[in-house]
Amino acid sequence: MKLLIIIRNDLLMTTEEIAVQVSRASILAYRYTTKEIATKWFNEGQDMIIIKSLNEKQLNQMGKIAFKNDLNVWNHIDYSIPEKCPGTLTCMAIGPDENSIIDKAIIEMRLKKIE
């Protein structure tokens, strides 16, 4: 089991800001997935992969690929980084789900020419 987080690279967030966004997105995914999946992911060590998207358009396209692969997609909209424009979609959590399903979606995302 693993969770995929995609963070927007165009927002030029600091390392600390990225850590906060990833943390919040992972909490969303854990909180709103099924109890069975959440428990399994938690008990297996909460594996996580973090990748970047170029911008919001690419992030949304990656989310569509994940959704097409029957994965849960959780958008994280942040209201706490005023210099980054409050209400901005900063990242997306996908899963958690079985490694093979997440990996398949990542491969498909990388094969598509998303800009």
Protein backbone atom coordinates (compact mmCIF):
# COMPACT_ATOMS: atom_id res chain seq x y z
CA MET A 1 0.00 0.00 0.00
CA LYS A 2 1.16 3.50 -0.76
CA LEU A 3 -0.06 7.03 -1.15
CA LEU A 4 0.92 9.29 -4.03
CA ILE A 5 1.17 13.04 -3.45
CA ILE A 6 1.60 15.38 -6.41
CA ILE A 7 2.82 18.87 -5.52
CA ARG A 8 2.66 21.89 -7.82
CA ASN A 9 6.13 23.08 -8.75
CA ASP A 10 5.01 26.41 -10.23
CA LEU A 11 4.06 27.85 -6.81
CA LEU A 12 7.73 27.96 -5.76
CA MET A 13 6.93 26.89 -2.21
CA THR A 14 9.65 26.63 0.38
CA THR A 15 10.61 23.23 1.76
CA GLU A 16 8.60 24.00 4.88
CA GLU A 17 5.51 24.97 2.86
CA ILE A 18 5.78 21.78 0.80
CA ALA A 19 6.04 19.71 3.99
CA VAL A 20 2.85 21.30 5.33
CA GLN A 21 0.97 20.72 2.06
CA VAL A 22 2.07 17.08 1.85
CA SER A 23 1.11 16.52 5.48
CA ARG A 24 -2.34 17.99 5.01
CA ALA A 25 -2.98 16.05 1.80
CA SER A 26 -1.96 12.78 3.44
CA ILE A 27 -4.31 13.47 6.36
CA LEU A 28 -7.17 14.08 3.88
CA ALA A 29 -6.49 10.81 2.10
CA TYR A 30 -6.25 8.87 5.37
CA ARG A 31 -9.35 10.48 6.84
CA TYR A 32 -11.65 10.08 3.86
CA THR A 33 -10.67 6.68 2.47
CA THR A 34 -12.36 3.53 3.68
CA LYS A 35 -11.51 2.31 7.15
CA GLU A 36 -10.17 -0.94 5.71
CA ILE A 37 -7.77 0.78 3.31
CA ALA A 38 -6.72 3.38 5.89
CA THR A 39 -5.95 0.69 8.46
CA LYS A 40 -4.01 -1.43 5.97
CA TRP A 41 -1.95 1.54 4.76
CA PHE A 42 -1.28 2.66 8.34
CA ASN A 43 -0.27 -0.82 9.49
CA GLU A 44 2.06 -1.28 6.51
CA GLY A 45 4.06 1.83 7.40
CA GLN A 46 2.31 4.62 5.45
CA ASP A 47 4.50 4.41 2.32
CA MET A 48 4.30 7.58 0.27
CA ILE A 49 5.64 8.82 -3.06
CA ILE A 50 5.87 12.54 -3.77
CA ILE A 51 6.20 13.83 -7.32
CA LYS A 52 5.92 17.27 -8.91
CA SER A 53 3.56 18.69 -11.49
CA LEU A 54 4.52 21.66 -13.61
CA ASN A 55 1.34 23.59 -12.89
CA GLU A 56 -2.34 23.30 -11.96
CA LYS A 57 -3.35 22.13 -15.44
CA GLN A 58 -0.89 19.25 -15.34
CA LEU A 59 -1.91 18.40 -11.77
CA ASN A 60 -5.56 18.15 -12.83
CA GLN A 61 -4.66 16.00 -15.83
CA MET A 62 -2.69 13.65 -13.57
CA GLY A 63 -5.70 13.48 -11.27
CA LYS A 64 -7.91 12.48 -14.20
CA ILE A 65 -5.54 9.62 -15.03
CA ALA A 66 -5.64 8.46 -11.41
CA PHE A 67 -9.44 8.67 -11.33
CA LYS A 68 -9.62 6.71 -14.60
CA ASN A 69 -7.56 4.00 -12.83
CA ASP A 70 -10.23 3.83 -10.08
CA LEU A 71 -8.07 5.59 -7.50
CA ASN A 72 -9.33 8.01 -4.89
CA VAL A 73 -8.21 11.56 -5.64
CA TRP A 74 -8.12 14.24 -2.93
CA ASN A 75 -7.43 17.86 -3.89
CA HIS A 76 -5.80 20.00 -1.23
CA ILE A 77 -6.68 23.69 -1.46
CA ASP A 78 -4.60 25.80 0.88
CA TYR A 79 -5.76 28.91 2.68
CA SER A 80 -2.71 29.49 4.88
CA ILE A 81 -0.04 30.69 2.45
CA PRO A 82 -1.09 34.28 1.75
CA GLU A 83 1.84 35.05 -0.53
CA LYS A 84 0.82 32.10 -2.73
CA CYS A 85 -2.75 33.34 -3.20
CA PRO A 86 -5.13 31.86 -0.64
CA GLY A 87 -7.55 29.28 -2.00
CA THR A 88 -4.97 27.78 -4.34
CA LEU A 89 -4.88 24.11 -5.28
CA THR A 90 -1.40 23.22 -4.03
CA CYS A 91 -1.30 19.45 -4.23
CA MET A 92 -3.24 16.27 -4.68
CA ALA A 93 -3.27 12.99 -2.77
CA ILE A 94 -3.98 9.81 -4.73
CA GLY A 95 -4.80 6.65 -2.82
CA PRO A 96 -3.70 5.09 -0.64
CA ASP A 97 -4.03 1.89 -2.60
CA GLU A 98 -2.14 -1.22 -3.60
CA ASN A 99 1.39 -0.56 -4.89
CA SER A 100 0.69 -2.06 -8.31
CA ILE A 101 -2.34 0.18 -8.89
CA ILE A 102 -0.50 3.36 -7.84
CA ASP A 103 2.54 2.35 -9.92
CA LYS A 104 0.36 1.74 -12.99
CA ALA A 105 -1.13 5.22 -12.68
CA ILE A 106 2.33 6.81 -12.25
CA ILE A 107 3.62 5.03 -15.36
CA GLU A 108 0.61 6.21 -17.35
CA MET A 109 1.15 9.79 -16.10
CA ARG A 110 4.79 9.70 -17.21
CA LEU A 111 4.01 8.19 -20.61
CA LYS A 112 1.45 10.86 -21.49
CA LYS A 113 2.79 14.13 -22.76
CA ILE A 114 1.06 16.32 -20.18
CA GLU A 115 1.93 20.01 -20.24
